[in-house]
Amino acid sequence: MLHRLLLHSCILLLSLPFPLSSPPLLAAGAGAGAFLHPNSTYHPYAHPDPESVVREVQRQVESSRRRALLDAKNKDLASPSCLTGNPIDDCWRCFGDWRSDRQRLADCGLGFGRGTLGGKGGPIYVVTDPSDPDPVNPAPGTLRYGAIQEGPLWIVFAGDMTIHLNQELLVNSFKTIDGRGANVHIAGGACITLQYVSHVILHNLHIHHCVPTGDANVRSSPTHYGWRTRSDGDGVSIYSGRNLWVDHCSLSYCTDGLIDAIMGSTAITISNNYFSHHNEVMLLGHSDDYLPDSGMQVTIAFNHFGEALVQRMPRCRHGYFHVVNNDYTQWEMYAIGGSANPTINSQGNRYVAPSDPNAKEVTKRVDTDEKDWAGWNWRTEGDIMVNGAFFVPSGEGLEAMYAKAESVDPKPAAIIDQLTMNAGVLCGPRKRERGYCTTVTTVGKESNRLSGGSALSRQPFLRVNCILVVVESRRRLFAVLDVVSTWRFMKYMEGILGL
C-alpha cells in the first residue's frame, strides 16, 4: 500500500508545471541561493542604509587626507610622504613592500563594494602563458585556467603580456586578477564576464579593443562548461553579480560598454580607473522595467574620464549611485544619464564641459518628460563646474534626504588632481621604484595618453616618491600636498627644473 502512495505522489509531482529555465539567481557561484523575481524590487544583498555607506566613504577620504597632511608636515622635500590622500592607494602602497603582502589590497576597498574579498586567503596563482587556445580545456599557466578554479585564488602575472581571449573570460567567485608588477593587456578579442559570481577584484589591467564573441562552448568552472550565445563586446560585463571591485584599470576602445552591470548586480565599487576613447562608457541597469535593479548600489570614485568619451559616465537605471571625487575632462553628449528613477549622489567631482554650447549639461534624463523626473533624487554637492558645465538637480525633500550625508563634507573638487593623479594602470613595461609604475596625469592641451592609459607629457614633471607634481608653466603650478608655502615650493621647483 505504501509503495502505491509513493508512486501516486511521484506522478503528481511530475505533472506540476516546472519552468524550463531558472529565474535569475544572484551569486550562484558563491552559493548565495537568493532568487530575484523580475517584478519585485526586493534585493537580498542591497545595503539597507546607502547613506551610511556614503558617509563612510567621506570619512575614509577625510581621514586619509589628514594623515597625508600630517605626515607631510613631519617630512621635508628631500624625504617626502608617500601618502596622497587617496584612501585606497594609501592603504596598500605606503605600508611595507606590497609585493610581499599583495592580499592587503583586499582590505583597502571602500563604498558599496568595500566587503569584496577577491582571492584573499587563497594561494597565489602565476599566469605564465598568455595564450587562450581552448576555452573548454584551458591549460595550466593560462589566465583562463586560474579564473575558473573553485575557491579563493590570487592571480598574478609572471611578466608583461598581451592576452588575446578567444571567448569571454568567465571568472569564478573569490578571485583577484592582480596585474601589479607587470604590464598586462587583455585586448583584441573577448574580455571579462562576471556572471552569477561574487567577490571578484580586477586590478591594474589594460582592457581595450574588446569585440563580440560566442556561439561556442566556454568553461566556467572545473566541472562545468556550456554554450555561450553572442556577447556584446564589453570590457567588463557584470550580470547578476555582487561584491565586485574594479580598481586601477585602463579601459578603452570596446565594441559595446567599457563596464556594464545589469540584472540585479549590486555591491560594486569602480575606482581609480582611466576611461578613454569610447562612446557608451558605462551602463548600470538592465532595462526600465527590470525592477530588481532597484537594489543596485554602485560607488564610482577617483576615476578619470578622459579623452574621446561621448556619453554614459554612467547611464543609470533604478538603484543608488554615489559618484564621488572623479575628474570628468571630456564628454560630447553628457556625463551622467539615467531613467527609471535612479538616485544619483554627485559629490566633489570636477566637470569640464566641452566647447559645444549644446553639450554643457552634465546630466541627462533619458527619454523622460520633466514632469516624470522632477521627483527623482539627483544631487550635486561640492562639485566644481568648468567651462560652463552645469548639473540639473531634482527631487522633493533633497535637503532632508541628504542631511546625514552632509555631516561629513565631500572632499573639495580642488584636490581632484591629488585623488585621481594615479588613475588607470600603475605599471608599465619598465618597473620603477617598488615594482609599480605611476601613471602621470598632466594638465593642459599638450598632454597625451596611450589607449591603455599610460601618459606621455610634453611638459616637464617631477616625480617624488608617490607624489607627482606637474608644472605647466611658471605661473601655473599644480601641487599635490601643502608641503610648504606656495612661494617656497615654486622657488624650489624653479630651481630643480631650471624654469
Protein backbone atom coordinates (compact mmCIF):
# COMPACT_ATOMS: atom_id res chain seq x y z
CA MET A 1 0.00 0.00 0.00
CA LEU A 2 2.83 2.38 0.89
CA HIS A 3 4.60 1.88 -2.43
CA ARG A 4 1.38 2.76 -4.26
CA LEU A 5 1.08 6.06 -2.36
CA LEU A 6 4.67 6.94 -3.19
CA LEU A 7 4.08 6.16 -6.86
CA HIS A 8 0.98 8.39 -6.95
CA SER A 9 2.92 11.20 -5.24
CA CYS A 10 5.68 10.96 -7.85
CA ILE A 11 3.15 11.11 -10.67
CA LEU A 12 1.54 14.21 -9.10
CA LEU A 13 4.91 15.97 -8.75
CA LEU A 14 5.92 15.21 -12.31
CA SER A 15 2.68 16.70 -13.56
CA LEU A 16 3.36 20.12 -11.97
CA PRO A 17 4.32 22.96 -14.39
CA PHE A 18 8.07 23.27 -13.76
CA PRO A 19 9.76 26.17 -15.57
CA LEU A 20 12.04 25.33 -18.46
CA SER A 21 14.70 27.77 -17.26
CA SER A 22 15.67 29.00 -13.82
CA PRO A 23 14.89 32.56 -12.72
CA PRO A 24 17.86 34.83 -12.17
CA LEU A 25 19.99 33.53 -9.32
CA LEU A 26 22.28 36.01 -7.63
CA ALA A 27 25.80 34.85 -6.99
CA ALA A 28 25.10 31.22 -7.74
CA GLY A 29 28.83 30.62 -7.90
CA ALA A 30 29.05 31.70 -4.28
CA GLY A 31 26.14 29.55 -3.17
CA ALA A 32 24.02 32.56 -2.31
CA GLY A 33 20.81 30.83 -3.32
CA ALA A 34 18.74 34.03 -3.46
CA PHE A 35 16.30 34.36 -6.35
CA LEU A 36 15.47 37.72 -7.89
CA HIS A 37 11.96 37.92 -9.22
CA PRO A 38 11.78 40.23 -12.26
CA ASN A 39 8.68 42.00 -10.90
CA SER A 40 10.00 42.60 -7.39
CA THR A 41 12.08 45.46 -6.01
CA TYR A 42 13.32 43.27 -3.13
CA HIS A 43 17.04 42.63 -3.23
CA PRO A 44 18.67 40.43 -0.56
CA TYR A 45 22.12 41.98 -0.96
CA ALA A 46 21.28 45.68 -1.20
CA HIS A 47 22.59 47.73 1.72
CA PRO A 48 19.65 48.80 3.91
CA ASP A 49 21.13 52.25 4.54
CA PRO A 50 23.06 53.51 1.50
CA GLU A 51 23.52 56.92 3.11
CA SER A 52 25.69 55.31 5.79
CA VAL A 53 27.94 53.94 3.03
CA VAL A 54 28.22 57.46 1.59
CA ARG A 55 29.20 58.82 4.99
CA GLU A 56 31.81 56.11 5.45
CA VAL A 57 33.41 56.90 2.08
CA GLN A 58 33.69 60.54 3.04
CA ARG A 59 35.11 59.63 6.44
CA GLN A 60 37.78 57.45 4.81
CA VAL A 61 38.78 60.19 2.37
CA GLU A 62 38.95 62.81 5.10
CA SER A 63 40.96 60.54 7.38
CA SER A 64 43.42 59.67 4.62
CA ARG A 65 43.83 63.33 3.67
CA ARG A 66 44.55 64.33 7.27
CA ARG A 67 47.15 61.57 7.64
CA ALA A 68 48.81 62.69 4.43
CA LEU A 69 48.97 66.32 5.55
CA LEU A 70 50.26 65.41 9.00
CA ASP A 71 52.89 63.08 7.57
CA ALA A 72 53.99 65.68 5.03
CA LYS A 73 54.49 68.31 7.71
CA ASN A 74 56.83 65.98 9.54
CA LYS A 75 58.99 65.46 6.46
CA ASP A 76 60.92 67.68 4.09
CA LEU A 77 61.09 67.72 0.30
CA ALA A 78 64.18 65.50 0.30
CA SER A 79 62.15 62.78 2.01
CA PRO A 80 58.52 63.36 1.04
CA SER A 81 55.47 61.48 2.21
CA CYS A 82 54.13 58.52 0.25
CA LEU A 83 50.60 59.32 1.43
CA THR A 84 48.47 61.16 -1.13
CA GLY A 85 45.04 61.38 0.49
CA ASN A 86 43.58 58.68 -1.75
CA PRO A 87 42.40 56.17 0.89
CA ILE A 88 42.61 53.12 -1.39
CA ASP A 89 46.15 53.77 -2.62
CA ASP A 90 47.46 54.95 0.74
CA CYS A 91 46.18 51.74 2.31
CA TRP A 92 48.35 49.36 0.27
CA ARG A 93 51.10 51.45 -1.35
CA CYS A 94 52.56 53.09 1.73
CA PHE A 95 52.85 50.27 4.25
CA GLY A 96 55.79 47.98 3.61
CA ASP A 97 56.54 46.09 0.42
CA TRP A 98 53.26 45.39 -1.38
CA ARG A 99 54.88 42.53 -3.33
CA SER A 100 55.32 40.53 -0.13
CA ASP A 101 51.76 41.30 1.01
CA ARG A 102 49.67 41.51 -2.16
CA GLN A 103 46.50 40.43 -0.41
CA ARG A 104 46.47 43.56 1.75
CA LEU A 105 44.72 45.14 -1.25
CA ALA A 106 41.52 43.28 -0.30
CA ASP A 107 41.39 45.30 2.94
CA CYS A 108 41.56 48.63 1.11
CA GLY A 109 38.21 48.87 -0.65
CA LEU A 110 35.56 51.48 0.01
CA GLY A 111 31.97 52.22 -0.91
CA PHE A 112 29.36 49.67 -1.78
CA GLY A 113 31.97 47.13 -2.89
CA ARG A 114 34.05 47.52 0.25
CA GLY A 115 33.44 43.99 1.50
CA THR A 116 34.79 42.39 -1.67
CA LEU A 117 37.28 39.69 -0.67
CA GLY A 118 38.56 38.60 -4.05
CA GLY A 119 41.05 35.78 -3.61
CA LYS A 120 42.03 36.78 -0.09
CA GLY A 121 43.17 33.80 1.94
CA GLY A 122 43.81 31.70 -1.13
CA PRO A 123 47.07 30.67 -2.79
CA ILE A 124 48.93 32.71 -5.39
CA TYR A 125 48.47 31.56 -8.98
CA VAL A 126 51.01 32.83 -11.52
CA VAL A 127 49.99 33.32 -15.16
CA THR A 128 52.94 32.26 -17.31
CA ASP A 129 51.18 31.60 -20.62
CA PRO A 130 49.32 34.42 -22.45
CA SER A 131 47.65 32.07 -24.92
CA ASP A 132 44.00 31.00 -24.93
CA PRO A 133 43.72 28.19 -27.49
CA ASP A 134 40.94 26.13 -25.90
CA PRO A 135 38.22 27.86 -23.83
CA VAL A 136 36.79 24.47 -22.81
CA ASN A 137 40.02 22.84 -21.70
CA PRO A 138 42.37 25.66 -20.63
CA ALA A 139 45.96 24.74 -19.95
CA PRO A 140 47.62 25.28 -16.56
CA GLY A 141 49.53 28.55 -16.56
CA THR A 142 46.92 30.42 -18.60
CA LEU A 143 44.71 33.16 -17.20
CA ARG A 144 41.57 31.18 -18.03
CA TYR A 145 42.78 28.15 -16.07
CA GLY A 146 43.19 30.22 -12.93
CA ALA A 147 40.00 32.25 -13.36
CA ILE A 148 37.67 29.23 -13.46
CA GLN A 149 39.00 27.45 -10.36
CA GLU A 150 36.83 26.95 -7.29
CA GLY A 151 37.70 28.69 -4.04
CA PRO A 152 39.82 31.78 -3.33
CA LEU A 153 42.73 32.38 -5.70
CA TRP A 154 45.01 35.41 -6.10
CA ILE A 155 46.08 35.59 -9.75
CA VAL A 156 49.29 37.43 -10.70
CA PHE A 157 51.44 37.57 -13.82
CA ALA A 158 54.99 36.33 -14.39
CA GLY A 159 55.78 39.28 -16.67
CA ASP A 160 54.47 41.68 -19.26
CA MET A 161 51.98 40.08 -21.63
CA THR A 162 49.09 40.72 -24.01
CA ILE A 163 46.29 38.20 -23.70
CA HIS A 164 44.02 37.70 -26.71
CA LEU A 165 40.97 35.82 -25.42
CA ASN A 166 39.17 33.68 -27.98
CA GLN A 167 35.99 33.64 -25.87
CA GLU A 168 34.69 35.52 -22.81
CA LEU A 169 36.76 35.01 -19.68
CA LEU A 170 34.19 33.63 -17.22
CA VAL A 171 35.69 34.47 -13.84
CA ASN A 172 34.60 32.32 -10.91
CA SER A 173 33.82 33.67 -7.43
CA PHE A 174 36.53 34.67 -4.94
CA LYS A 175 39.18 35.66 -7.45
CA THR A 176 41.59 38.57 -7.67
CA ILE A 177 43.23 39.27 -11.03
CA ASP A 178 46.16 41.42 -9.95
CA GLY A 179 48.29 43.00 -12.68
CA ARG A 180 50.68 44.86 -10.37
CA GLY A 181 54.33 44.42 -11.23
CA ALA A 182 53.63 43.68 -14.89
CA ASN A 183 52.18 45.39 -17.94
CA VAL A 184 49.15 43.24 -18.72
CA HIS A 185 46.82 43.88 -21.66
CA ILE A 186 43.58 41.99 -22.26
CA ALA A 187 42.93 43.17 -25.78
CA GLY A 188 41.91 42.41 -29.31
CA GLY A 189 39.42 39.65 -28.52
CA ALA A 190 36.83 38.75 -25.92
CA CYS A 191 37.16 40.30 -22.48
CA ILE A 192 35.91 39.72 -18.93
CA THR A 193 32.49 38.43 -17.82
CA LEU A 194 31.36 38.26 -14.19
CA GLN A 195 28.11 36.29 -14.32
CA TYR A 196 26.35 34.92 -11.23
CA VAL A 197 29.53 35.35 -9.19
CA SER A 198 30.65 37.33 -6.15
CA HIS A 199 33.85 38.61 -4.54
CA VAL A 200 35.93 39.38 -7.60
CA ILE A 201 38.65 42.08 -7.75
CA LEU A 202 40.08 43.29 -11.06
CA HIS A 203 43.19 45.39 -10.50
CA ASN A 204 45.81 47.07 -12.68
CA LEU A 205 44.78 45.73 -16.08
CA HIS A 206 44.71 47.31 -19.53
CA ILE A 207 41.38 46.28 -21.07
CA HIS A 208 40.79 47.51 -24.61
CA HIS A 209 39.66 46.70 -28.14
CA CYS A 210 37.17 44.12 -26.85
CA VAL A 211 34.96 42.51 -29.50
CA PRO A 212 31.87 40.26 -29.54
CA THR A 213 32.47 36.53 -29.43
CA GLY A 214 30.32 33.50 -28.67
CA ASP A 215 28.36 30.74 -30.38
CA ALA A 216 30.79 28.39 -28.69
CA ASN A 217 31.28 26.30 -25.57
CA VAL A 218 33.19 28.01 -22.75
CA ARG A 219 34.24 26.59 -19.39
CA SER A 220 33.11 28.46 -16.26
CA SER A 221 34.41 26.06 -13.58
CA PRO A 222 36.46 22.87 -13.37
CA THR A 223 33.23 20.85 -13.54
CA HIS A 224 31.09 22.84 -15.96
CA TYR A 225 31.19 24.28 -19.43
CA GLY A 226 28.28 25.43 -21.58
CA TRP A 227 27.17 27.08 -24.78
CA ARG A 228 27.58 30.85 -24.90
CA THR A 229 25.49 32.97 -27.22
CA ARG A 230 26.92 36.06 -28.89
CA SER A 231 28.41 38.54 -26.41
CA ASP A 232 28.19 42.33 -26.70
CA GLY A 233 31.90 43.10 -26.66
CA ASP A 234 32.02 44.80 -23.24
CA GLY A 235 35.30 45.38 -21.47
CA VAL A 236 33.85 44.12 -18.18
CA SER A 237 30.37 42.60 -18.29
CA ILE A 238 28.63 42.13 -14.91
CA TYR A 239 25.47 40.01 -14.84
CA SER A 240 23.72 39.23 -11.54
CA GLY A 241 26.93 39.69 -9.58
CA ARG A 242 27.70 41.18 -6.19
CA ASN A 243 30.71 42.30 -4.15
CA LEU A 244 32.76 43.30 -7.17
CA TRP A 245 35.59 45.82 -7.36
CA VAL A 246 37.29 47.22 -10.49
CA ASP A 247 40.32 49.31 -9.48
CA HIS A 248 43.23 50.95 -11.32
CA CYS A 249 42.31 49.61 -14.75
CA SER A 250 42.60 51.46 -18.05
CA LEU A 251 39.67 50.83 -20.39
CA SER A 252 39.09 51.99 -23.97
CA TYR A 253 38.02 51.09 -27.49
CA CYS A 254 35.43 48.36 -26.82
CA THR A 255 32.54 47.38 -29.09
CA ASP A 256 29.79 47.97 -26.53
CA GLY A 257 30.37 49.27 -22.98
CA LEU A 258 33.61 49.61 -21.07
CA ILE A 259 31.86 48.43 -17.90
CA ASP A 260 28.23 47.23 -17.91
CA ALA A 261 26.37 45.94 -14.83
CA ILE A 262 22.86 44.54 -15.20
CA MET A 263 20.29 42.02 -13.93
CA GLY A 264 20.28 42.75 -10.21
CA SER A 265 24.02 43.26 -9.74
CA THR A 266 24.93 45.20 -6.59
CA ALA A 267 27.65 46.00 -4.02
CA ILE A 268 30.03 47.31 -6.69
CA THR A 269 32.92 49.78 -6.49
CA ILE A 270 34.55 51.24 -9.61
CA SER A 271 37.60 53.24 -8.55
CA ASN A 272 40.88 54.74 -9.75
CA ASN A 273 40.25 53.79 -13.39
CA TYR A 274 41.09 55.70 -16.55
CA PHE A 275 38.41 55.68 -19.26
CA SER A 276 39.07 56.97 -22.78
CA HIS A 277 38.21 56.65 -26.48
CA HIS A 278 34.69 55.29 -26.24
CA ASN A 279 31.07 56.14 -26.93
CA GLU A 280 28.83 54.43 -24.35
CA VAL A 281 31.16 54.16 -21.38
CA MET A 282 29.19 52.58 -18.54
CA LEU A 283 25.68 51.11 -18.29
CA LEU A 284 24.30 50.37 -14.82
CA GLY A 285 20.88 48.75 -15.02
CA HIS A 286 19.28 46.29 -17.45
CA SER A 287 16.06 48.00 -18.51
CA ASP A 288 13.48 50.42 -17.17
CA ASP A 289 11.07 47.60 -16.37
CA TYR A 290 13.54 45.26 -14.65
CA LEU A 291 12.71 46.06 -11.04
CA PRO A 292 15.42 44.04 -9.22
CA ASP A 293 17.89 46.67 -10.38
CA SER A 294 16.27 48.88 -7.74
CA GLY A 295 18.70 47.17 -5.38
CA MET A 296 21.74 48.07 -7.49
CA GLN A 297 24.23 50.11 -5.45
CA VAL A 298 27.46 51.34 -7.03
CA THR A 299 30.28 53.61 -5.85
CA ILE A 300 32.20 55.43 -8.60
CA ALA A 301 35.24 57.11 -7.05
CA PHE A 302 38.61 58.67 -8.03
CA ASN A 303 38.26 57.82 -11.72
CA HIS A 304 39.47 59.93 -14.63
CA PHE A 305 37.04 60.16 -17.54
CA GLY A 306 39.47 61.26 -20.21
CA GLU A 307 39.73 61.98 -23.90
CA ALA A 308 37.35 60.97 -26.70
CA LEU A 309 34.42 59.94 -24.49
CA VAL A 310 30.86 60.62 -25.61
CA GLN A 311 28.26 59.60 -23.01
CA ARG A 312 27.20 57.23 -20.17
CA MET A 313 29.64 58.02 -17.37
CA PRO A 314 27.49 56.31 -16.13
CA ARG A 315 23.97 55.78 -17.52
CA CYS A 316 21.83 54.50 -14.61
CA ARG A 317 18.51 52.77 -14.06
CA HIS A 318 16.81 52.35 -10.67
CA GLY A 319 19.30 51.86 -7.82
CA TYR A 320 21.62 54.17 -5.87
CA PHE A 321 24.80 55.59 -7.43
CA HIS A 322 27.43 57.51 -5.46
CA VAL A 323 29.66 59.46 -7.85
CA VAL A 324 32.45 60.98 -5.78
CA ASN A 325 35.76 62.77 -6.44
CA ASN A 326 36.05 61.89 -10.13
CA ASP A 327 37.65 64.01 -12.84
CA TYR A 328 35.48 64.48 -15.95
CA THR A 329 37.66 66.15 -18.54
CA GLN A 330 35.71 65.34 -21.69
CA TRP A 331 32.30 64.33 -22.98
CA GLU A 332 30.47 65.01 -26.23
CA MET A 333 26.81 64.47 -25.27
CA TYR A 334 26.52 64.27 -21.47
CA ALA A 335 28.36 62.82 -18.48
CA ILE A 336 25.72 61.26 -16.21
CA GLY A 337 22.40 59.98 -17.51
CA GLY A 338 19.55 57.89 -16.25
CA SER A 339 15.99 56.67 -16.46
CA ALA A 340 13.54 54.77 -14.24
CA ASN A 341 14.11 56.93 -11.15
CA PRO A 342 17.71 56.20 -10.08
CA THR A 343 19.21 58.04 -7.10
CA ILE A 344 22.37 59.89 -8.13
CA ASN A 345 24.53 61.48 -5.44
CA SER A 346 27.30 63.54 -7.07
CA GLN A 347 29.87 64.84 -4.59
CA GLY A 348 33.18 66.60 -5.04
CA ASN A 349 33.64 65.91 -8.76
CA ARG A 350 35.14 68.20 -11.38
CA TYR A 351 33.12 68.53 -14.57
CA VAL A 352 34.85 70.21 -17.52
CA ALA A 353 32.28 70.88 -20.24
CA PRO A 354 33.09 70.59 -23.95
CA SER A 355 33.20 73.64 -26.18
CA ASP A 356 29.90 72.68 -27.84
CA PRO A 357 27.32 75.11 -26.39
CA ASN A 358 24.64 72.40 -26.68
CA ALA A 359 26.54 69.87 -24.54
CA LYS A 360 27.28 71.85 -21.37
CA GLU A 361 24.81 69.96 -19.19
CA VAL A 362 26.38 67.24 -17.06
CA THR A 363 23.10 65.37 -16.64
CA LYS A 364 20.57 63.80 -18.97
CA ARG A 365 17.21 62.24 -18.14
CA VAL A 366 16.89 59.71 -20.93
CA ASP A 367 13.56 59.58 -22.80
CA THR A 368 11.67 61.03 -19.83
CA ASP A 369 9.45 64.12 -19.52
CA GLU A 370 10.30 66.70 -16.87
CA LYS A 371 7.02 66.10 -15.07
CA ASP A 372 8.13 62.50 -14.55
CA TRP A 373 11.75 63.13 -13.49
CA ALA A 374 11.13 66.18 -11.30
CA GLY A 375 10.86 63.93 -8.25
CA TRP A 376 13.97 61.87 -8.92
CA ASN A 377 16.70 62.33 -6.33
CA TRP A 378 19.67 63.72 -8.26
CA ARG A 379 22.00 65.69 -6.04
CA THR A 380 25.13 67.77 -6.64
CA GLU A 381 27.24 68.78 -3.67
CA GLY A 382 30.72 70.26 -3.67
CA ASP A 383 31.14 69.73 -7.42
CA ILE A 384 33.23 72.15 -9.49
CA MET A 385 31.78 73.16 -12.86
CA VAL A 386 34.29 74.29 -15.51
CA ASN A 387 33.80 75.87 -18.93
CA GLY A 388 30.08 76.38 -18.47
CA ALA A 389 29.23 72.89 -17.18
CA PHE A 390 26.02 72.67 -15.15
CA PHE A 391 24.25 69.93 -13.22
CA VAL A 392 20.43 69.88 -13.08
CA PRO A 393 19.38 68.55 -9.65
CA SER A 394 15.92 67.22 -8.89
CA GLY A 395 13.85 65.60 -6.19
CA GLU A 396 11.50 66.61 -3.43
CA GLY A 397 12.92 66.93 0.08
CA LEU A 398 16.55 66.72 -1.05
CA GLU A 399 17.88 68.56 1.97
CA ALA A 400 16.17 66.19 4.37
CA MET A 401 17.16 63.07 2.44
CA TYR A 402 20.83 64.02 2.33
CA ALA A 403 21.09 65.61 5.75
CA LYS A 404 23.00 62.66 7.17
CA ALA A 405 25.41 62.54 4.25
CA GLU A 406 26.24 66.20 4.80
CA SER A 407 27.51 65.52 8.32
CA VAL A 408 30.91 64.88 6.66
CA ASP A 409 31.56 67.19 3.75
CA PRO A 410 32.68 65.71 0.44
CA LYS A 411 36.26 66.38 -0.48
CA PRO A 412 36.60 69.73 -2.32
CA ALA A 413 37.00 69.17 -6.03
CA ALA A 414 40.09 71.40 -5.91
CA ILE A 415 42.07 68.36 -4.77
CA ILE A 416 40.81 66.16 -7.61
CA ASP A 417 44.32 66.32 -9.10
CA GLN A 418 45.63 64.73 -5.94
CA LEU A 419 43.00 62.00 -5.67
CA THR A 420 42.98 60.99 -9.34
CA MET A 421 46.60 61.59 -10.34
CA ASN A 422 47.32 57.85 -10.49
CA ALA A 423 44.04 56.82 -12.15
CA GLY A 424 44.45 53.93 -14.54
CA VAL A 425 47.10 51.24 -14.69
CA LEU A 426 50.05 51.83 -12.40
CA CYS A 427 52.56 49.57 -14.10
CA GLY A 428 54.31 49.78 -17.42
CA PRO A 429 56.99 47.67 -19.08
CA ARG A 430 59.77 49.33 -17.09
CA LYS A 431 59.09 48.97 -13.41
CA ARG A 432 60.41 51.74 -11.23
CA GLU A 433 61.00 52.04 -7.54
CA ARG A 434 58.88 49.42 -5.74
CA GLY A 435 57.95 47.49 -8.85
CA TYR A 436 54.98 49.53 -9.99
CA CYS A 437 54.94 52.47 -12.36
CA THR A 438 52.96 55.59 -11.63
CA THR A 439 50.64 56.88 -14.31
CA VAL A 440 51.37 60.56 -14.92
CA THR A 441 48.38 62.86 -15.06
CA THR A 442 49.16 66.14 -16.79
CA VAL A 443 47.15 69.28 -17.06
CA GLY A 444 46.97 71.18 -20.32
CA LYS A 445 46.28 70.68 -24.00
CA GLU A 446 49.71 69.29 -24.76
CA SER A 447 49.29 66.10 -22.73
CA ASN A 448 48.60 62.78 -24.39
CA ARG A 449 47.65 59.27 -23.24
CA LEU A 450 48.11 55.93 -24.87
CA SER A 451 44.99 53.84 -25.43
CA GLY A 452 45.94 51.63 -22.49
CA GLY A 453 46.05 54.58 -20.14
CA SER A 454 49.72 55.47 -19.90
CA ALA A 455 50.56 59.16 -20.11
CA LEU A 456 53.00 60.97 -22.35
CA SER A 457 53.60 64.54 -21.33
CA ARG A 458 55.33 67.26 -23.28
CA GLN A 459 55.50 69.29 -20.08
CA PRO A 460 58.33 68.97 -17.53
CA PHE A 461 57.42 66.94 -14.49
CA LEU A 462 58.97 65.88 -11.20
CA ARG A 463 58.12 62.56 -9.58
CA VAL A 464 58.76 62.49 -5.84
CA ASN A 465 58.05 59.01 -4.46
CA CYS A 466 54.27 58.60 -4.63
CA ILE A 467 53.68 62.34 -5.03
CA LEU A 468 53.71 63.79 -8.52
CA VAL A 469 53.83 67.47 -9.27
CA VAL A 470 53.25 68.68 -12.80
CA VAL A 471 54.35 72.11 -13.96
CA GLU A 472 52.57 73.60 -16.94
CA SER A 473 54.34 76.93 -16.76
CA ARG A 474 55.92 79.31 -14.26
CA ARG A 475 52.57 80.79 -13.28
CA ARG A 476 50.52 77.60 -13.29
CA LEU A 477 51.63 75.04 -10.75
CA PHE A 478 49.69 72.04 -9.55
CA ALA A 479 50.97 70.74 -6.21
CA VAL A 480 49.64 67.60 -4.57
CA LEU A 481 50.09 68.45 -0.92
CA ASP A 482 50.56 71.61 1.06
CA VAL A 483 54.09 70.60 1.99
CA VAL A 484 55.48 74.10 2.19
CA SER A 485 54.20 77.52 1.33
CA THR A 486 53.33 78.19 -2.31
CA TRP A 487 56.18 80.71 -2.67
CA ARG A 488 58.86 78.40 -1.26
CA PHE A 489 57.58 75.47 -3.26
CA MET A 490 57.57 77.46 -6.52
CA LYS A 491 61.13 78.62 -5.89
CA TYR A 492 62.15 75.03 -5.17
CA MET A 493 60.56 73.76 -8.40
CA GLU A 494 62.06 76.57 -10.47
CA GLY A 495 65.50 75.68 -9.15
CA ILE A 496 65.07 71.95 -9.87
CA LEU A 497 63.62 72.35 -13.35
CA GLY A 498 65.59 75.40 -14.39
CA LEU A 499 62.50 77.43 -15.21
